[in-house]
Amino acid sequence: MSAVKVEELMSGSVVTVQPHHSVAHVREKMADKKLSNVPVVSPEGEPVGVVSASDLLAADKEGAPVSSIMTDKVYTIPEYEEVSIAARMMRNHKIHHLMVTSEQKIVGVISSFDLLK
């Protein structure tokens, strides 16, 4: 029996924002899509940060760029990696989501809930 790969469980439709987008824009996008976090990507699609609902709660200026409130530590995992590695990373870093990459670009997100499937 072969091990389950991240790409088999990840959510493939990823909503992303760019560092220059305003806090208000990101807040609206997250509310609209009912998201708890959203990856911040460079124009090339490479992950540079992540914005969570708690980051938005702490934001005091709606017009400020999202780069001013984002967490710039992004945990990523290649789509071909085994889910056991994803689970270990989430446990070790006490996080619930990993950005899934292919050639340094975000192609999906895997959450702790996806692992329970």
C-alpha atoms as a PDB file:
ATOM      1  CA  MET A   1       0.000   0.000   0.000  1.00  0.00           C
ATOM      2  CA  SER A   2       1.422   3.373  -0.966  1.00  0.00           C
ATOM      3  CA  ALA A   3       1.408   6.396   1.313  1.00  0.00           C
ATOM      4  CA  VAL A   4      -1.179   9.125   0.773  1.00  0.00           C
ATOM      5  CA  LYS A   5       0.271  12.263  -0.799  1.00  0.00           C
ATOM      6  CA  VAL A   6      -0.541  15.855   0.171  1.00  0.00           C
ATOM      7  CA  GLU A   7      -1.997  16.586  -3.278  1.00  0.00           C
ATOM      8  CA  GLU A   8      -4.664  13.909  -2.686  1.00  0.00           C
ATOM      9  CA  LEU A   9      -6.105  15.687   0.374  1.00  0.00           C
ATOM     10  CA  MET A  10      -5.326  19.363  -0.209  1.00  0.00           C
ATOM     11  CA  SER A  11      -7.841  21.993  -1.161  1.00  0.00           C
ATOM     12  CA  GLY A  12      -6.811  23.088  -4.645  1.00  0.00           C
ATOM     13  CA  SER A  13      -8.743  26.324  -5.006  1.00  0.00           C
ATOM     14  CA  VAL A  14      -6.609  28.841  -3.158  1.00  0.00           C
ATOM     15  CA  VAL A  15      -7.607  32.446  -2.616  1.00  0.00           C
ATOM     16  CA  THR A  16      -4.485  34.603  -2.433  1.00  0.00           C
ATOM     17  CA  VAL A  17      -3.711  38.282  -1.979  1.00  0.00           C
ATOM     18  CA  GLN A  18      -0.650  40.388  -2.692  1.00  0.00           C
ATOM     19  CA  PRO A  19       1.365  42.460  -0.192  1.00  0.00           C
ATOM     20  CA  HIS A  20       0.099  45.787  -1.544  1.00  0.00           C
ATOM     21  CA  HIS A  21      -3.597  44.888  -1.148  1.00  0.00           C
ATOM     22  CA  SER A  22      -5.328  46.872   1.587  1.00  0.00           C
ATOM     23  CA  VAL A  23      -6.420  45.427   4.906  1.00  0.00           C
ATOM     24  CA  ALA A  24     -10.017  46.302   3.951  1.00  0.00           C
ATOM     25  CA  HIS A  25      -9.723  44.376   0.661  1.00  0.00           C
ATOM     26  CA  VAL A  26      -8.350  41.290   2.418  1.00  0.00           C
ATOM     27  CA  ARG A  27     -10.973  41.481   5.181  1.00  0.00           C
ATOM     28  CA  GLU A  28     -13.743  41.620   2.560  1.00  0.00           C
ATOM     29  CA  LYS A  29     -12.255  38.736   0.564  1.00  0.00           C
ATOM     30  CA  MET A  30     -11.872  36.534   3.639  1.00  0.00           C
ATOM     31  CA  ALA A  31     -15.414  37.288   4.843  1.00  0.00           C
ATOM     32  CA  ASP A  32     -16.837  36.692   1.373  1.00  0.00           C
ATOM     33  CA  LYS A  33     -15.147  33.292   1.026  1.00  0.00           C
ATOM     34  CA  LYS A  34     -15.501  32.396   4.746  1.00  0.00           C
ATOM     35  CA  LEU A  35     -11.744  31.921   5.189  1.00  0.00           C
ATOM     36  CA  SER A  36      -9.761  31.916   8.426  1.00  0.00           C
ATOM     37  CA  ASN A  37      -6.496  32.749   6.681  1.00  0.00           C
ATOM     38  CA  VAL A  38      -5.204  33.664   3.256  1.00  0.00           C
ATOM     39  CA  PRO A  39      -1.720  33.341   1.724  1.00  0.00           C
ATOM     40  CA  VAL A  40       0.076  36.500   0.624  1.00  0.00           C
ATOM     41  CA  VAL A  41       1.986  35.908  -2.602  1.00  0.00           C
ATOM     42  CA  SER A  42       4.469  37.775  -4.759  1.00  0.00           C
ATOM     43  CA  PRO A  43       3.426  38.746  -8.307  1.00  0.00           C
ATOM     44  CA  GLU A  44       5.129  35.476  -9.375  1.00  0.00           C
ATOM     45  CA  GLY A  45       2.841  33.466  -7.071  1.00  0.00           C
ATOM     46  CA  GLU A  46       5.486  32.621  -4.480  1.00  0.00           C
ATOM     47  CA  PRO A  47       4.400  32.684  -0.815  1.00  0.00           C
ATOM     48  CA  VAL A  48       5.699  35.684   1.151  1.00  0.00           C
ATOM     49  CA  GLY A  49       3.312  35.675   4.104  1.00  0.00           C
ATOM     50  CA  VAL A  50      -0.039  34.701   5.510  1.00  0.00           C
ATOM     51  CA  VAL A  51      -2.861  36.761   7.003  1.00  0.00           C
ATOM     52  CA  SER A  52      -5.124  35.232   9.614  1.00  0.00           C
ATOM     53  CA  ALA A  53      -8.410  36.383  11.084  1.00  0.00           C
ATOM     54  CA  SER A  54      -6.549  37.322  14.268  1.00  0.00           C
ATOM     55  CA  ASP A  55      -4.134  39.479  12.231  1.00  0.00           C
ATOM     56  CA  LEU A  56      -7.165  41.337  10.875  1.00  0.00           C
ATOM     57  CA  LEU A  57      -8.561  41.845  14.377  1.00  0.00           C
ATOM     58  CA  ALA A  58      -5.326  43.565  15.382  1.00  0.00           C
ATOM     59  CA  ALA A  59      -5.294  45.811  12.287  1.00  0.00           C
ATOM     60  CA  ASP A  60      -6.149  49.415  13.043  1.00  0.00           C
ATOM     61  CA  LYS A  61      -5.962  50.969   9.561  1.00  0.00           C
ATOM     62  CA  GLU A  62      -8.252  49.613   6.839  1.00  0.00           C
ATOM     63  CA  GLY A  63      -6.206  51.344   4.127  1.00  0.00           C
ATOM     64  CA  ALA A  64      -2.865  49.949   5.281  1.00  0.00           C
ATOM     65  CA  PRO A  65      -1.165  47.386   3.038  1.00  0.00           C
ATOM     66  CA  VAL A  66      -1.666  43.809   4.175  1.00  0.00           C
ATOM     67  CA  SER A  67       2.134  43.439   4.266  1.00  0.00           C
ATOM     68  CA  SER A  68       2.057  45.565   7.434  1.00  0.00           C
ATOM     69  CA  ILE A  69       0.010  42.971   9.359  1.00  0.00           C
ATOM     70  CA  MET A  70       0.864  39.650   7.712  1.00  0.00           C
ATOM     71  CA  THR A  71       2.947  36.943   9.321  1.00  0.00           C
ATOM     72  CA  ASP A  72       5.984  36.534   7.115  1.00  0.00           C
ATOM     73  CA  LYS A  73       6.793  33.023   8.316  1.00  0.00           C
ATOM     74  CA  VAL A  74       5.043  30.701   5.876  1.00  0.00           C
ATOM     75  CA  TYR A  75       5.137  26.952   6.308  1.00  0.00           C
ATOM     76  CA  THR A  76       5.005  25.141   2.977  1.00  0.00           C
ATOM     77  CA  ILE A  77       5.049  21.547   1.861  1.00  0.00           C
ATOM     78  CA  PRO A  78       5.540  20.144  -1.662  1.00  0.00           C
ATOM     79  CA  GLU A  79       2.421  18.589  -3.204  1.00  0.00           C
ATOM     80  CA  TYR A  80       4.207  15.245  -3.680  1.00  0.00           C
ATOM     81  CA  GLU A  81       5.106  14.876   0.035  1.00  0.00           C
ATOM     82  CA  GLU A  82       3.407  12.289   2.241  1.00  0.00           C
ATOM     83  CA  VAL A  83       0.601  13.482   4.545  1.00  0.00           C
ATOM     84  CA  SER A  84       2.457  12.063   7.556  1.00  0.00           C
ATOM     85  CA  ILE A  85       5.099  14.759   6.989  1.00  0.00           C
ATOM     86  CA  ALA A  86       2.369  17.437   6.825  1.00  0.00           C
ATOM     87  CA  ALA A  87       0.881  16.174  10.089  1.00  0.00           C
ATOM     88  CA  ARG A  88       4.282  16.231  11.782  1.00  0.00           C
ATOM     89  CA  MET A  89       4.972  19.790  10.576  1.00  0.00           C
ATOM     90  CA  MET A  90       1.607  21.020  11.849  1.00  0.00           C
ATOM     91  CA  ARG A  91       2.160  19.360  15.217  1.00  0.00           C
ATOM     92  CA  ASN A  92       5.746  20.584  15.610  1.00  0.00           C
ATOM     93  CA  HIS A  93       4.910  24.196  14.672  1.00  0.00           C
ATOM     94  CA  LYS A  94       1.471  24.224  16.383  1.00  0.00           C
ATOM     95  CA  ILE A  95      -0.308  25.342  13.208  1.00  0.00           C
ATOM     96  CA  HIS A  96      -3.442  24.143  11.426  1.00  0.00           C
ATOM     97  CA  HIS A  97      -2.653  24.943   7.767  1.00  0.00           C
ATOM     98  CA  LEU A  98       0.243  24.399   5.381  1.00  0.00           C
ATOM     99  CA  MET A  99       0.612  26.041   1.995  1.00  0.00           C
ATOM    100  CA  VAL A 100       1.117  23.382  -0.675  1.00  0.00           C
ATOM    101  CA  THR A 101       3.644  24.258  -3.348  1.00  0.00           C
ATOM    102  CA  SER A 102       4.755  23.100  -6.746  1.00  0.00           C
ATOM    103  CA  GLU A 103       7.981  24.661  -8.006  1.00  0.00           C
ATOM    104  CA  GLN A 104       7.802  27.358  -5.271  1.00  0.00           C
ATOM    105  CA  LYS A 105       4.258  28.456  -6.256  1.00  0.00           C
ATOM    106  CA  ILE A 106       1.184  27.890  -4.103  1.00  0.00           C
ATOM    107  CA  VAL A 107      -1.127  25.281  -5.622  1.00  0.00           C
ATOM    108  CA  GLY A 108      -3.193  24.402  -2.585  1.00  0.00           C
ATOM    109  CA  VAL A 109      -3.687  24.411   1.163  1.00  0.00           C
ATOM    110  CA  ILE A 110      -3.861  21.439   3.494  1.00  0.00           C
ATOM    111  CA  SER A 111      -5.405  21.792   6.924  1.00  0.00           C
ATOM    112  CA  SER A 112      -5.516  19.642  10.008  1.00  0.00           C
ATOM    113  CA  PHE A 113      -9.164  18.966   9.102  1.00  0.00           C
ATOM    114  CA  ASP A 114      -8.084  17.602   5.696  1.00  0.00           C
ATOM    115  CA  LEU A 115      -5.789  15.159   7.498  1.00  0.00           C
ATOM    116  CA  LEU A 116      -8.723  13.791   9.480  1.00  0.00           C
ATOM    117  CA  LYS A 117     -10.341  12.609   6.265  1.00  0.00           C
END
